[in-house]
C-alpha atoms as a PDB file:
ATOM      1  CA  UNK A   1       0.228  -0.028   0.244  1.00  0.00           C
ATOM      2  CA  UNK A   2       1.257   3.076  -0.584  1.00  0.00           C
ATOM      3  CA  UNK A   3       0.005   6.919   0.948  1.00  0.00           C
ATOM      4  CA  UNK A   4       0.532  10.376  -1.265  1.00  0.00           C
ATOM      5  CA  UNK A   5      -0.283  13.123   0.771  1.00  0.00           C
ATOM      6  CA  UNK A   6      -0.824  16.546  -1.072  1.00  0.00           C
ATOM      7  CA  UNK A   7      -0.198  20.480  -0.403  1.00  0.00           C
ATOM      8  CA  UNK A   8       0.320  23.762  -1.271  1.00  0.00           C
ATOM      9  CA  UNK A   9      -2.353  24.166  -2.864  1.00  0.00           C
ATOM     10  CA  UNK A  10      -4.168  27.698  -2.257  1.00  0.00           C
ATOM     11  CA  UNK A  11      -5.873  31.177  -4.072  1.00  0.00           C
ATOM     12  CA  UNK A  12      -4.092  33.104  -5.999  1.00  0.00           C
ATOM     13  CA  UNK A  13      -4.688  36.110  -8.581  1.00  0.00           C
ATOM     14  CA  UNK A  14      -4.398  34.821 -12.038  1.00  0.00           C
ATOM     15  CA  UNK A  15      -0.742  35.895 -13.450  1.00  0.00           C
ATOM     16  CA  UNK A  16       0.317  34.509  -9.765  1.00  0.00           C
ATOM     17  CA  UNK A  17       3.153  30.877  -9.239  1.00  0.00           C
ATOM     18  CA  UNK A  18       2.145  27.798  -6.483  1.00  0.00           C
ATOM     19  CA  UNK A  19       4.186  25.011  -5.636  1.00  0.00           C
ATOM     20  CA  UNK A  20       2.002  21.840  -4.816  1.00  0.00           C
ATOM     21  CA  UNK A  21       4.102  19.125  -3.126  1.00  0.00           C
ATOM     22  CA  UNK A  22       2.996  15.002  -2.930  1.00  0.00           C
ATOM     23  CA  UNK A  23       4.314  13.205  -0.359  1.00  0.00           C
ATOM     24  CA  UNK A  24       4.602   9.001  -0.560  1.00  0.00           C
ATOM     25  CA  UNK A  25       5.043   6.982   1.953  1.00  0.00           C
ATOM     26  CA  UNK A  26       4.316   3.560   2.277  1.00  0.00           C
ATOM     27  CA  UNK A  27       6.140  -0.008   2.939  1.00  0.00           C
ATOM     28  CA  UNK A  28       5.309  -0.223  -1.289  1.00  0.00           C
ATOM     29  CA  UNK A  29       6.941   2.389  -1.876  1.00  0.00           C
ATOM     30  CA  UNK A  30      10.341   1.432  -0.884  1.00  0.00           C
ATOM     31  CA  UNK A  31      11.873   1.833  -4.547  1.00  0.00           C
ATOM     32  CA  UNK A  32      11.008   5.102  -6.116  1.00  0.00           C
ATOM     33  CA  UNK A  33      12.489   3.685 -10.049  1.00  0.00           C
ATOM     34  CA  UNK A  34       9.926   1.317  -9.687  1.00  0.00           C
ATOM     35  CA  UNK A  35       7.008   4.297  -9.471  1.00  0.00           C
ATOM     36  CA  UNK A  36       5.810   6.726 -12.249  1.00  0.00           C
ATOM     37  CA  UNK A  37       3.800   9.753 -10.397  1.00  0.00           C
ATOM     38  CA  UNK A  38       1.438  12.377 -11.814  1.00  0.00           C
ATOM     39  CA  UNK A  39      -0.900  15.200 -11.098  1.00  0.00           C
ATOM     40  CA  UNK A  40      -4.067  15.925 -12.569  1.00  0.00           C
ATOM     41  CA  UNK A  41      -7.374  17.478 -12.122  1.00  0.00           C
ATOM     42  CA  UNK A  42     -10.914  18.274 -12.105  1.00  0.00           C
ATOM     43  CA  UNK A  43     -13.413  20.876 -11.704  1.00  0.00           C
ATOM     44  CA  UNK A  44     -16.340  20.539 -10.904  1.00  0.00           C
ATOM     45  CA  UNK A  45     -19.059  19.197 -12.601  1.00  0.00           C
ATOM     46  CA  UNK A  46     -15.430  18.476 -15.474  1.00  0.00           C
ATOM     47  CA  UNK A  47     -13.810  15.211 -16.603  1.00  0.00           C
ATOM     48  CA  UNK A  48     -10.702  14.594 -14.586  1.00  0.00           C
ATOM     49  CA  UNK A  49      -7.866  16.335 -16.875  1.00  0.00           C
ATOM     50  CA  UNK A  50      -4.178  14.959 -16.918  1.00  0.00           C
ATOM     51  CA  UNK A  51      -1.589  17.510 -16.176  1.00  0.00           C
ATOM     52  CA  UNK A  52       2.655  16.015 -15.865  1.00  0.00           C
ATOM     53  CA  UNK A  53       3.652  12.906 -15.726  1.00  0.00           C
ATOM     54  CA  UNK A  54       7.118  11.175 -15.251  1.00  0.00           C
ATOM     55  CA  UNK A  55       8.258   8.378 -15.238  1.00  0.00           C
ATOM     56  CA  UNK A  56      11.060   6.052 -14.018  1.00  0.00           C
ATOM     57  CA  UNK A  57      13.996   7.510 -15.689  1.00  0.00           C
ATOM     58  CA  UNK A  58      13.331  10.570 -14.882  1.00  0.00           C
ATOM     59  CA  UNK A  59      11.368  11.767 -18.465  1.00  0.00           C
ATOM     60  CA  UNK A  60       8.254  14.075 -17.959  1.00  0.00           C
ATOM     61  CA  UNK A  61       4.666  14.485 -20.398  1.00  0.00           C
ATOM     62  CA  UNK A  62       2.232  17.620 -19.854  1.00  0.00           C
ATOM     63  CA  UNK A  63      -0.200  18.684 -20.880  1.00  0.00           C
ATOM     64  CA  UNK A  64      -0.930  21.227 -23.455  1.00  0.00           C
ATOM     65  CA  UNK A  65      -2.651  23.484 -21.757  1.00  0.00           C
ATOM     66  CA  UNK A  66       0.254  22.915 -19.198  1.00  0.00           C
ATOM     67  CA  UNK A  67       3.191  22.981 -21.139  1.00  0.00           C
ATOM     68  CA  UNK A  68       5.877  26.263 -20.577  1.00  0.00           C
ATOM     69  CA  UNK A  69       3.981  27.138 -17.606  1.00  0.00           C
ATOM     70  CA  UNK A  70       4.281  24.004 -14.916  1.00  0.00           C
ATOM     71  CA  UNK A  71       7.159  21.454 -13.840  1.00  0.00           C
ATOM     72  CA  UNK A  72       6.745  18.330 -11.958  1.00  0.00           C
ATOM     73  CA  UNK A  73       9.592  17.843  -9.976  1.00  0.00           C
ATOM     74  CA  UNK A  74      10.680  15.156  -8.120  1.00  0.00           C
ATOM     75  CA  UNK A  75      12.267  14.556  -4.807  1.00  0.00           C
ATOM     76  CA  UNK A  76      13.051  11.268  -5.010  1.00  0.00           C
ATOM     77  CA  UNK A  77      15.633  11.110  -2.153  1.00  0.00           C
ATOM     78  CA  UNK A  78      12.520  12.862   0.089  1.00  0.00           C
ATOM     79  CA  UNK A  79       9.802  10.975  -1.987  1.00  0.00           C
ATOM     80  CA  UNK A  80       8.380  13.670  -2.791  1.00  0.00           C
ATOM     81  CA  UNK A  81       6.613  15.124  -5.894  1.00  0.00           C
ATOM     82  CA  UNK A  82       6.097  18.070  -6.597  1.00  0.00           C
ATOM     83  CA  UNK A  83       4.070  20.736  -8.648  1.00  0.00           C
ATOM     84  CA  UNK A  84       5.350  23.954 -10.457  1.00  0.00           C
ATOM     85  CA  UNK A  85       2.880  26.295 -10.909  1.00  0.00           C
ATOM     86  CA  UNK A  86       3.966  29.659 -13.179  1.00  0.00           C
ATOM     87  CA  UNK A  87       1.408  32.140 -15.271  1.00  0.00           C
ATOM     88  CA  UNK A  88      -1.636  30.163 -13.089  1.00  0.00           C
ATOM     89  CA  UNK A  89      -5.137  30.650 -15.219  1.00  0.00           C
ATOM     90  CA  UNK A  90      -8.499  31.513 -14.106  1.00  0.00           C
ATOM     91  CA  UNK A  91      -9.152  27.651 -16.046  1.00  0.00           C
ATOM     92  CA  UNK A  92      -6.900  26.018 -13.715  1.00  0.00           C
ATOM     93  CA  UNK A  93      -8.379  26.610 -11.024  1.00  0.00           C
ATOM     94  CA  UNK A  94      -9.424  22.790  -9.756  1.00  0.00           C
ATOM     95  CA  UNK A  95      -8.333  20.215  -7.219  1.00  0.00           C
ATOM     96  CA  UNK A  96      -5.547  18.481  -8.132  1.00  0.00           C
ATOM     97  CA  UNK A  97      -4.581  15.267  -6.877  1.00  0.00           C
ATOM     98  CA  UNK A  98      -1.074  13.374  -6.721  1.00  0.00           C
ATOM     99  CA  UNK A  99      -1.631   9.736  -7.810  1.00  0.00           C
ATOM    100  CA  UNK A 100       1.681   6.840  -8.482  1.00  0.00           C
ATOM    101  CA  UNK A 101       1.299   3.001 -10.606  1.00  0.00           C
ATOM    102  CA  UNK A 102       4.011   1.294 -10.215  1.00  0.00           C
ATOM    103  CA  UNK A 103       5.646  -0.168 -13.153  1.00  0.00           C
ATOM    104  CA  UNK A 104       8.379   0.902 -15.874  1.00  0.00           C
ATOM    105  CA  UNK A 105       6.035   3.076 -18.980  1.00  0.00           C
ATOM    106  CA  UNK A 106       6.811   6.133 -20.754  1.00  0.00           C
ATOM    107  CA  UNK A 107       5.211   8.959 -18.857  1.00  0.00           C
ATOM    108  CA  UNK A 108       2.571   9.302 -21.748  1.00  0.00           C
ATOM    109  CA  UNK A 109       1.393   5.913 -20.271  1.00  0.00           C
ATOM    110  CA  UNK A 110       1.710   6.953 -16.465  1.00  0.00           C
ATOM    111  CA  UNK A 111       0.071   9.810 -17.093  1.00  0.00           C
ATOM    112  CA  UNK A 112      -2.975   8.233 -19.097  1.00  0.00           C
ATOM    113  CA  UNK A 113      -3.112   5.145 -16.810  1.00  0.00           C
ATOM    114  CA  UNK A 114      -3.390   7.066 -13.421  1.00  0.00           C
ATOM    115  CA  UNK A 115      -6.297   9.930 -14.665  1.00  0.00           C
ATOM    116  CA  UNK A 116      -8.161   7.045 -15.409  1.00  0.00           C
ATOM    117  CA  UNK A 117      -8.261   6.631 -12.291  1.00  0.00           C
ATOM    118  CA  UNK A 118      -5.954   3.209 -12.735  1.00  0.00           C
ATOM    119  CA  UNK A 119      -2.860   3.270  -8.942  1.00  0.00           C
ATOM    120  CA  UNK A 120      -3.180   5.044  -5.926  1.00  0.00           C
ATOM    121  CA  UNK A 121      -3.909   9.173  -5.677  1.00  0.00           C
ATOM    122  CA  UNK A 122      -4.373  11.330  -2.452  1.00  0.00           C
ATOM    123  CA  UNK A 123      -7.008  13.585  -1.161  1.00  0.00           C
ATOM    124  CA  UNK A 124      -6.464  16.798  -3.223  1.00  0.00           C
ATOM    125  CA  UNK A 125      -5.477  20.009  -2.457  1.00  0.00           C
ATOM    126  CA  UNK A 126      -7.197  23.055  -3.395  1.00  0.00           C
ATOM    127  CA  UNK A 127      -6.702  25.132  -6.446  1.00  0.00           C
ATOM    128  CA  UNK A 128      -8.224  28.479  -7.099  1.00  0.00           C
ATOM    129  CA  UNK A 129      -7.388  31.477  -9.747  1.00  0.00           C
ATOM    130  CA  UNK A 130      -9.371  34.542  -9.597  1.00  0.00           C
END
């Protein structure tokens, strides 16, 4: 079992920045390179939207809507995943979830799997941009 705990959400004005964190723990998470991780978001009344993912080798992928504005660094020593969000827009408003899936796959595959609900996810952290 893996536990994922997100933090760092909040309310910001358009153009602002936020950094979300996701702390991973659990006996199954003993080897970070066994796991791909991702962020997805969901706004009220809308479907899940994959935001970004990082695979076992550290390769990343981003949704077109966030390319150039968001990055997904991963601190393996701290078992922590981040989502650094710049130039935030009102359309970025959503609940943001961290997710993890075990296995070897590309970042694109990982983002697709986790956005569809495969793997573990945290409870979410709200981001509101006005």
